[in-house]
């Protein structure tokens, strides 16, 4: 696996098969679950990463989240499976019920988890987010940073922020949620559509 070396003169390096080189730089817009998970994965493959979040702090609202076996397997590859397994509760079966409690369908999860080689879990969103944030150095997460767009050049991409600041890198990843500035610039503005179910 690539080893990211501490920055010398502000430039992080990566050592890959004994060869030291400047680490490619990734800019992640959005410090939610998707953005932080992506940042952990990008660090794992040797990229220098900076995460920009518009909120004043990294925090998650909401309740539980189901992580199926394939998600737990992905967490294993990121080196975070044991932390999440300790925080979560294993799912043995799942039921779909009506408002009055009538069972519409039921699935036994234990056998699927065994075949997949990883458990399915329920975990609180805040615990998952905190685990991703703790896997990164505090210095790579910048809050109060509202991205308003980006500029693509031949060899670099530059993210622009509401306060006039900018950040350049080799890769820009938009994980900035339902009101994504990155998506809007790439595909034009769009309104959310209700799918007919919650």
C-alpha atoms as a PDB file:
ATOM      1  CA  UNK A   1       0.000   0.000   0.000  1.00  0.00           C
ATOM      2  CA  UNK A   2       1.207   3.544  -0.658  1.00  0.00           C
ATOM      3  CA  UNK A   3       2.683   5.383   2.304  1.00  0.00           C
ATOM      4  CA  UNK A   4       1.957   9.108   2.569  1.00  0.00           C
ATOM      5  CA  UNK A   5       4.889  10.924   4.090  1.00  0.00           C
ATOM      6  CA  UNK A   6       4.531  14.119   6.144  1.00  0.00           C
ATOM      7  CA  UNK A   7       4.593  17.293   4.076  1.00  0.00           C
ATOM      8  CA  UNK A   8       8.015  18.773   3.483  1.00  0.00           C
ATOM      9  CA  UNK A   9       7.895  22.417   2.468  1.00  0.00           C
ATOM     10  CA  UNK A  10       4.093  22.067   2.362  1.00  0.00           C
ATOM     11  CA  UNK A  11       4.212  19.309  -0.289  1.00  0.00           C
ATOM     12  CA  UNK A  12       3.047  15.830   0.804  1.00  0.00           C
ATOM     13  CA  UNK A  13       4.881  12.917  -0.772  1.00  0.00           C
ATOM     14  CA  UNK A  14       3.905   9.318  -1.322  1.00  0.00           C
ATOM     15  CA  UNK A  15       6.197   6.308  -1.361  1.00  0.00           C
ATOM     16  CA  UNK A  16       5.067   3.601  -3.760  1.00  0.00           C
ATOM     17  CA  UNK A  17       7.208   0.472  -4.141  1.00  0.00           C
ATOM     18  CA  UNK A  18      10.130   2.376  -2.630  1.00  0.00           C
ATOM     19  CA  UNK A  19       9.907   5.334  -5.028  1.00  0.00           C
ATOM     20  CA  UNK A  20       9.124   8.714  -3.462  1.00  0.00           C
ATOM     21  CA  UNK A  21       7.030  11.193  -5.458  1.00  0.00           C
ATOM     22  CA  UNK A  22       4.754  14.156  -4.908  1.00  0.00           C
ATOM     23  CA  UNK A  23       1.370  12.865  -3.801  1.00  0.00           C
ATOM     24  CA  UNK A  24      -1.491  13.710  -6.162  1.00  0.00           C
ATOM     25  CA  UNK A  25      -3.864  16.164  -4.490  1.00  0.00           C
ATOM     26  CA  UNK A  26      -7.611  15.556  -4.165  1.00  0.00           C
ATOM     27  CA  UNK A  27     -10.142  18.217  -3.188  1.00  0.00           C
ATOM     28  CA  UNK A  28     -13.326  16.821  -1.653  1.00  0.00           C
ATOM     29  CA  UNK A  29     -16.285  19.183  -1.479  1.00  0.00           C
ATOM     30  CA  UNK A  30     -18.603  18.024   1.300  1.00  0.00           C
ATOM     31  CA  UNK A  31     -17.842  16.666   4.746  1.00  0.00           C
ATOM     32  CA  UNK A  32     -20.784  14.285   5.104  1.00  0.00           C
ATOM     33  CA  UNK A  33     -20.615  10.498   5.109  1.00  0.00           C
ATOM     34  CA  UNK A  34     -19.915  10.274   1.360  1.00  0.00           C
ATOM     35  CA  UNK A  35     -17.252  12.976   1.331  1.00  0.00           C
ATOM     36  CA  UNK A  36     -15.373  11.701   4.373  1.00  0.00           C
ATOM     37  CA  UNK A  37     -15.576   8.072   3.201  1.00  0.00           C
ATOM     38  CA  UNK A  38     -14.161   9.141  -0.166  1.00  0.00           C
ATOM     39  CA  UNK A  39     -11.395  11.112   1.580  1.00  0.00           C
ATOM     40  CA  UNK A  40     -10.388   8.072   3.647  1.00  0.00           C
ATOM     41  CA  UNK A  41     -10.325   5.911   0.494  1.00  0.00           C
ATOM     42  CA  UNK A  42      -8.297   8.473  -1.469  1.00  0.00           C
ATOM     43  CA  UNK A  43      -5.756   8.699   1.374  1.00  0.00           C
ATOM     44  CA  UNK A  44      -5.557   4.906   1.365  1.00  0.00           C
ATOM     45  CA  UNK A  45      -4.402   4.928  -2.281  1.00  0.00           C
ATOM     46  CA  UNK A  46      -1.776   7.602  -1.663  1.00  0.00           C
ATOM     47  CA  UNK A  47      -3.474  10.895  -2.440  1.00  0.00           C
ATOM     48  CA  UNK A  48      -3.109  14.047  -0.366  1.00  0.00           C
ATOM     49  CA  UNK A  49      -6.686  15.066   0.491  1.00  0.00           C
ATOM     50  CA  UNK A  50      -8.399  18.206   1.741  1.00  0.00           C
ATOM     51  CA  UNK A  51     -12.107  18.136   2.637  1.00  0.00           C
ATOM     52  CA  UNK A  52     -14.162  21.334   2.490  1.00  0.00           C
ATOM     53  CA  UNK A  53     -17.470  21.484   4.386  1.00  0.00           C
ATOM     54  CA  UNK A  54     -19.879  24.441   4.311  1.00  0.00           C
ATOM     55  CA  UNK A  55     -21.176  23.835   7.862  1.00  0.00           C
ATOM     56  CA  UNK A  56     -19.309  25.299  10.847  1.00  0.00           C
ATOM     57  CA  UNK A  57     -18.525  21.812  12.168  1.00  0.00           C
ATOM     58  CA  UNK A  58     -18.607  18.187  11.076  1.00  0.00           C
ATOM     59  CA  UNK A  59     -21.757  16.730  12.586  1.00  0.00           C
ATOM     60  CA  UNK A  60     -24.551  14.452  11.452  1.00  0.00           C
ATOM     61  CA  UNK A  61     -28.202  14.634  12.254  1.00  0.00           C
ATOM     62  CA  UNK A  62     -30.628  11.802  11.812  1.00  0.00           C
ATOM     63  CA  UNK A  63     -30.897   8.367  13.231  1.00  0.00           C
ATOM     64  CA  UNK A  64     -29.802   4.871  12.315  1.00  0.00           C
ATOM     65  CA  UNK A  65     -28.400   3.731   9.020  1.00  0.00           C
ATOM     66  CA  UNK A  66     -28.330   0.171   7.680  1.00  0.00           C
ATOM     67  CA  UNK A  67     -24.980  -1.025   6.396  1.00  0.00           C
ATOM     68  CA  UNK A  68     -25.325  -4.167   4.318  1.00  0.00           C
ATOM     69  CA  UNK A  69     -22.527  -6.704   4.095  1.00  0.00           C
ATOM     70  CA  UNK A  70     -21.021  -5.100   0.990  1.00  0.00           C
ATOM     71  CA  UNK A  71     -20.709  -1.764   2.833  1.00  0.00           C
ATOM     72  CA  UNK A  72     -19.054  -3.492   5.793  1.00  0.00           C
ATOM     73  CA  UNK A  73     -16.664  -5.193   3.362  1.00  0.00           C
ATOM     74  CA  UNK A  74     -15.794  -1.747   1.955  1.00  0.00           C
ATOM     75  CA  UNK A  75     -15.190  -0.490   5.508  1.00  0.00           C
ATOM     76  CA  UNK A  76     -12.868  -3.472   5.999  1.00  0.00           C
ATOM     77  CA  UNK A  77     -10.807  -2.349   2.996  1.00  0.00           C
ATOM     78  CA  UNK A  78     -10.601   1.136   4.541  1.00  0.00           C
ATOM     79  CA  UNK A  79      -9.408  -0.369   7.832  1.00  0.00           C
ATOM     80  CA  UNK A  80     -12.550   0.746   9.701  1.00  0.00           C
ATOM     81  CA  UNK A  81     -14.617  -2.444  10.018  1.00  0.00           C
ATOM     82  CA  UNK A  82     -13.781  -3.174  13.665  1.00  0.00           C
ATOM     83  CA  UNK A  83     -14.615   0.376  14.802  1.00  0.00           C
ATOM     84  CA  UNK A  84     -18.014   0.329  13.071  1.00  0.00           C
ATOM     85  CA  UNK A  85     -18.798  -3.225  14.193  1.00  0.00           C
ATOM     86  CA  UNK A  86     -18.225  -2.142  17.808  1.00  0.00           C
ATOM     87  CA  UNK A  87     -20.543   0.859  17.376  1.00  0.00           C
ATOM     88  CA  UNK A  88     -23.287  -0.915  15.428  1.00  0.00           C
ATOM     89  CA  UNK A  89     -25.799  -3.673  16.032  1.00  0.00           C
ATOM     90  CA  UNK A  90     -25.908  -6.753  13.796  1.00  0.00           C
ATOM     91  CA  UNK A  91     -29.028  -7.236  11.689  1.00  0.00           C
ATOM     92  CA  UNK A  92     -30.413 -10.780  11.844  1.00  0.00           C
ATOM     93  CA  UNK A  93     -33.648 -10.241   9.909  1.00  0.00           C
ATOM     94  CA  UNK A  94     -35.603  -7.496   8.248  1.00  0.00           C
ATOM     95  CA  UNK A  95     -39.357  -6.986   8.080  1.00  0.00           C
ATOM     96  CA  UNK A  96     -41.518  -4.656   6.038  1.00  0.00           C
ATOM     97  CA  UNK A  97     -44.733  -3.911   7.931  1.00  0.00           C
ATOM     98  CA  UNK A  98     -47.800  -1.748   7.460  1.00  0.00           C
ATOM     99  CA  UNK A  99     -48.628   1.135   9.797  1.00  0.00           C
ATOM    100  CA  UNK A 100     -50.868  -1.271  11.751  1.00  0.00           C
ATOM    101  CA  UNK A 101     -48.041  -3.805  12.162  1.00  0.00           C
ATOM    102  CA  UNK A 102     -49.071  -6.372   9.545  1.00  0.00           C
ATOM    103  CA  UNK A 103     -45.954  -8.093   8.170  1.00  0.00           C
ATOM    104  CA  UNK A 104     -45.742  -7.657   4.389  1.00  0.00           C
ATOM    105  CA  UNK A 105     -42.390  -9.368   3.908  1.00  0.00           C
ATOM    106  CA  UNK A 106     -39.512 -10.743   5.930  1.00  0.00           C
ATOM    107  CA  UNK A 107     -35.915 -11.522   5.004  1.00  0.00           C
ATOM    108  CA  UNK A 108     -33.403 -13.450   7.090  1.00  0.00           C
ATOM    109  CA  UNK A 109     -30.131 -11.535   6.886  1.00  0.00           C
ATOM    110  CA  UNK A 110     -27.820 -13.819   8.891  1.00  0.00           C
ATOM    111  CA  UNK A 111     -27.366 -16.355   6.087  1.00  0.00           C
ATOM    112  CA  UNK A 112     -26.712 -13.614   3.508  1.00  0.00           C
ATOM    113  CA  UNK A 113     -24.151 -12.023   5.820  1.00  0.00           C
ATOM    114  CA  UNK A 114     -22.423 -15.351   6.378  1.00  0.00           C
ATOM    115  CA  UNK A 115     -22.168 -15.961   2.609  1.00  0.00           C
ATOM    116  CA  UNK A 116     -20.892 -12.415   2.041  1.00  0.00           C
ATOM    117  CA  UNK A 117     -18.248 -12.818   4.731  1.00  0.00           C
ATOM    118  CA  UNK A 118     -19.312  -9.710   6.654  1.00  0.00           C
ATOM    119  CA  UNK A 119     -22.206  -8.784   8.922  1.00  0.00           C
ATOM    120  CA  UNK A 120     -24.985  -6.380   8.086  1.00  0.00           C
ATOM    121  CA  UNK A 121     -25.240  -3.665  10.739  1.00  0.00           C
ATOM    122  CA  UNK A 122     -27.354  -0.796  11.948  1.00  0.00           C
ATOM    123  CA  UNK A 123     -25.266   2.143  13.130  1.00  0.00           C
ATOM    124  CA  UNK A 124     -26.063   5.705  14.105  1.00  0.00           C
ATOM    125  CA  UNK A 125     -25.177   8.157  11.337  1.00  0.00           C
ATOM    126  CA  UNK A 126     -23.212  10.338  13.780  1.00  0.00           C
ATOM    127  CA  UNK A 127     -21.059   7.353  14.835  1.00  0.00           C
ATOM    128  CA  UNK A 128     -20.281   6.510  11.213  1.00  0.00           C
ATOM    129  CA  UNK A 129     -19.402  10.115  10.390  1.00  0.00           C
ATOM    130  CA  UNK A 130     -17.213  10.463  13.492  1.00  0.00           C
ATOM    131  CA  UNK A 131     -15.358   7.240  12.600  1.00  0.00           C
ATOM    132  CA  UNK A 132     -14.550   8.575   9.125  1.00  0.00           C
ATOM    133  CA  UNK A 133     -13.474  11.959  10.531  1.00  0.00           C
ATOM    134  CA  UNK A 134     -11.207  10.300  13.115  1.00  0.00           C
ATOM    135  CA  UNK A 135      -9.526   8.287  10.346  1.00  0.00           C
ATOM    136  CA  UNK A 136      -8.319  11.581   8.834  1.00  0.00           C
ATOM    137  CA  UNK A 137      -5.976  14.148  10.324  1.00  0.00           C
ATOM    138  CA  UNK A 138      -7.907  17.124  11.695  1.00  0.00           C
ATOM    139  CA  UNK A 139      -5.854  19.442   9.471  1.00  0.00           C
ATOM    140  CA  UNK A 140      -7.330  17.980   6.258  1.00  0.00           C
ATOM    141  CA  UNK A 141     -10.917  18.988   7.144  1.00  0.00           C
ATOM    142  CA  UNK A 142     -11.846  22.650   6.648  1.00  0.00           C
ATOM    143  CA  UNK A 143     -15.238  23.856   7.808  1.00  0.00           C
ATOM    144  CA  UNK A 144     -17.114  27.098   6.995  1.00  0.00           C
ATOM    145  CA  UNK A 145     -16.003  26.618   3.383  1.00  0.00           C
ATOM    146  CA  UNK A 146     -18.889  27.001   0.936  1.00  0.00           C
ATOM    147  CA  UNK A 147     -17.891  25.939  -2.567  1.00  0.00           C
ATOM    148  CA  UNK A 148     -19.546  28.057  -5.265  1.00  0.00           C
ATOM    149  CA  UNK A 149     -17.978  26.438  -8.327  1.00  0.00           C
ATOM    150  CA  UNK A 150     -14.807  25.257  -9.973  1.00  0.00           C
ATOM    151  CA  UNK A 151     -12.521  25.876 -12.935  1.00  0.00           C
ATOM    152  CA  UNK A 152     -10.977  23.048 -14.937  1.00  0.00           C
ATOM    153  CA  UNK A 153      -7.613  23.638 -16.601  1.00  0.00           C
ATOM    154  CA  UNK A 154      -5.521  21.187 -18.585  1.00  0.00           C
ATOM    155  CA  UNK A 155      -3.612  19.812 -15.607  1.00  0.00           C
ATOM    156  CA  UNK A 156      -5.350  21.209 -12.520  1.00  0.00           C
ATOM    157  CA  UNK A 157      -8.816  21.858 -11.154  1.00  0.00           C
ATOM    158  CA  UNK A 158      -9.542  24.820  -8.878  1.00  0.00           C
ATOM    159  CA  UNK A 159     -12.446  24.981  -6.440  1.00  0.00           C
ATOM    160  CA  UNK A 160     -13.789  28.462  -5.684  1.00  0.00           C
ATOM    161  CA  UNK A 161     -15.343  29.382  -2.335  1.00  0.00           C
ATOM    162  CA  UNK A 162     -17.880  31.995  -1.223  1.00  0.00           C
ATOM    163  CA  UNK A 163     -15.264  33.871   0.848  1.00  0.00           C
ATOM    164  CA  UNK A 164     -13.073  34.439  -2.241  1.00  0.00           C
ATOM    165  CA  UNK A 165     -10.580  31.675  -1.398  1.00  0.00           C
ATOM    166  CA  UNK A 166      -9.662  28.930  -3.844  1.00  0.00           C
ATOM    167  CA  UNK A 167      -7.926  25.566  -3.737  1.00  0.00           C
ATOM    168  CA  UNK A 168      -6.253  23.741  -6.618  1.00  0.00           C
ATOM    169  CA  UNK A 169      -5.592  20.047  -7.037  1.00  0.00           C
ATOM    170  CA  UNK A 170      -5.384  17.117  -9.404  1.00  0.00           C
ATOM    171  CA  UNK A 171      -8.880  15.801  -8.665  1.00  0.00           C
ATOM    172  CA  UNK A 172     -12.142  17.370  -7.495  1.00  0.00           C
ATOM    173  CA  UNK A 173     -14.815  15.209  -5.931  1.00  0.00           C
ATOM    174  CA  UNK A 174     -18.270  16.698  -5.355  1.00  0.00           C
ATOM    175  CA  UNK A 175     -20.023  15.201  -2.309  1.00  0.00           C
ATOM    176  CA  UNK A 176     -21.772  18.412  -1.331  1.00  0.00           C
ATOM    177  CA  UNK A 177     -25.295  17.128  -0.996  1.00  0.00           C
ATOM    178  CA  UNK A 178     -28.653  17.923  -2.484  1.00  0.00           C
ATOM    179  CA  UNK A 179     -27.746  21.561  -3.237  1.00  0.00           C
ATOM    180  CA  UNK A 180     -24.438  20.593  -4.864  1.00  0.00           C
ATOM    181  CA  UNK A 181     -22.544  23.452  -6.514  1.00  0.00           C
ATOM    182  CA  UNK A 182     -20.356  20.907  -8.300  1.00  0.00           C
ATOM    183  CA  UNK A 183     -23.310  19.008  -9.793  1.00  0.00           C
ATOM    184  CA  UNK A 184     -25.070  22.256 -10.757  1.00  0.00           C
ATOM    185  CA  UNK A 185     -22.006  23.470 -12.657  1.00  0.00           C
ATOM    186  CA  UNK A 186     -21.545  20.148 -14.428  1.00  0.00           C
ATOM    187  CA  UNK A 187     -25.192  19.414 -15.301  1.00  0.00           C
ATOM    188  CA  UNK A 188     -27.117  22.636 -14.694  1.00  0.00           C
ATOM    189  CA  UNK A 189     -29.524  23.465 -11.882  1.00  0.00           C
ATOM    190  CA  UNK A 190     -32.134  20.888 -10.937  1.00  0.00           C
ATOM    191  CA  UNK A 191     -34.862  20.505  -8.347  1.00  0.00           C
ATOM    192  CA  UNK A 192     -35.249  17.360  -6.252  1.00  0.00           C
ATOM    193  CA  UNK A 193     -38.018  15.016  -7.434  1.00  0.00           C
ATOM    194  CA  UNK A 194     -40.153  13.071  -4.982  1.00  0.00           C
ATOM    195  CA  UNK A 195     -39.941   9.389  -5.882  1.00  0.00           C
ATOM    196  CA  UNK A 196     -43.322   8.558  -4.358  1.00  0.00           C
ATOM    197  CA  UNK A 197     -42.001   6.794  -1.250  1.00  0.00           C
ATOM    198  CA  UNK A 198     -39.890   7.558   1.804  1.00  0.00           C
END
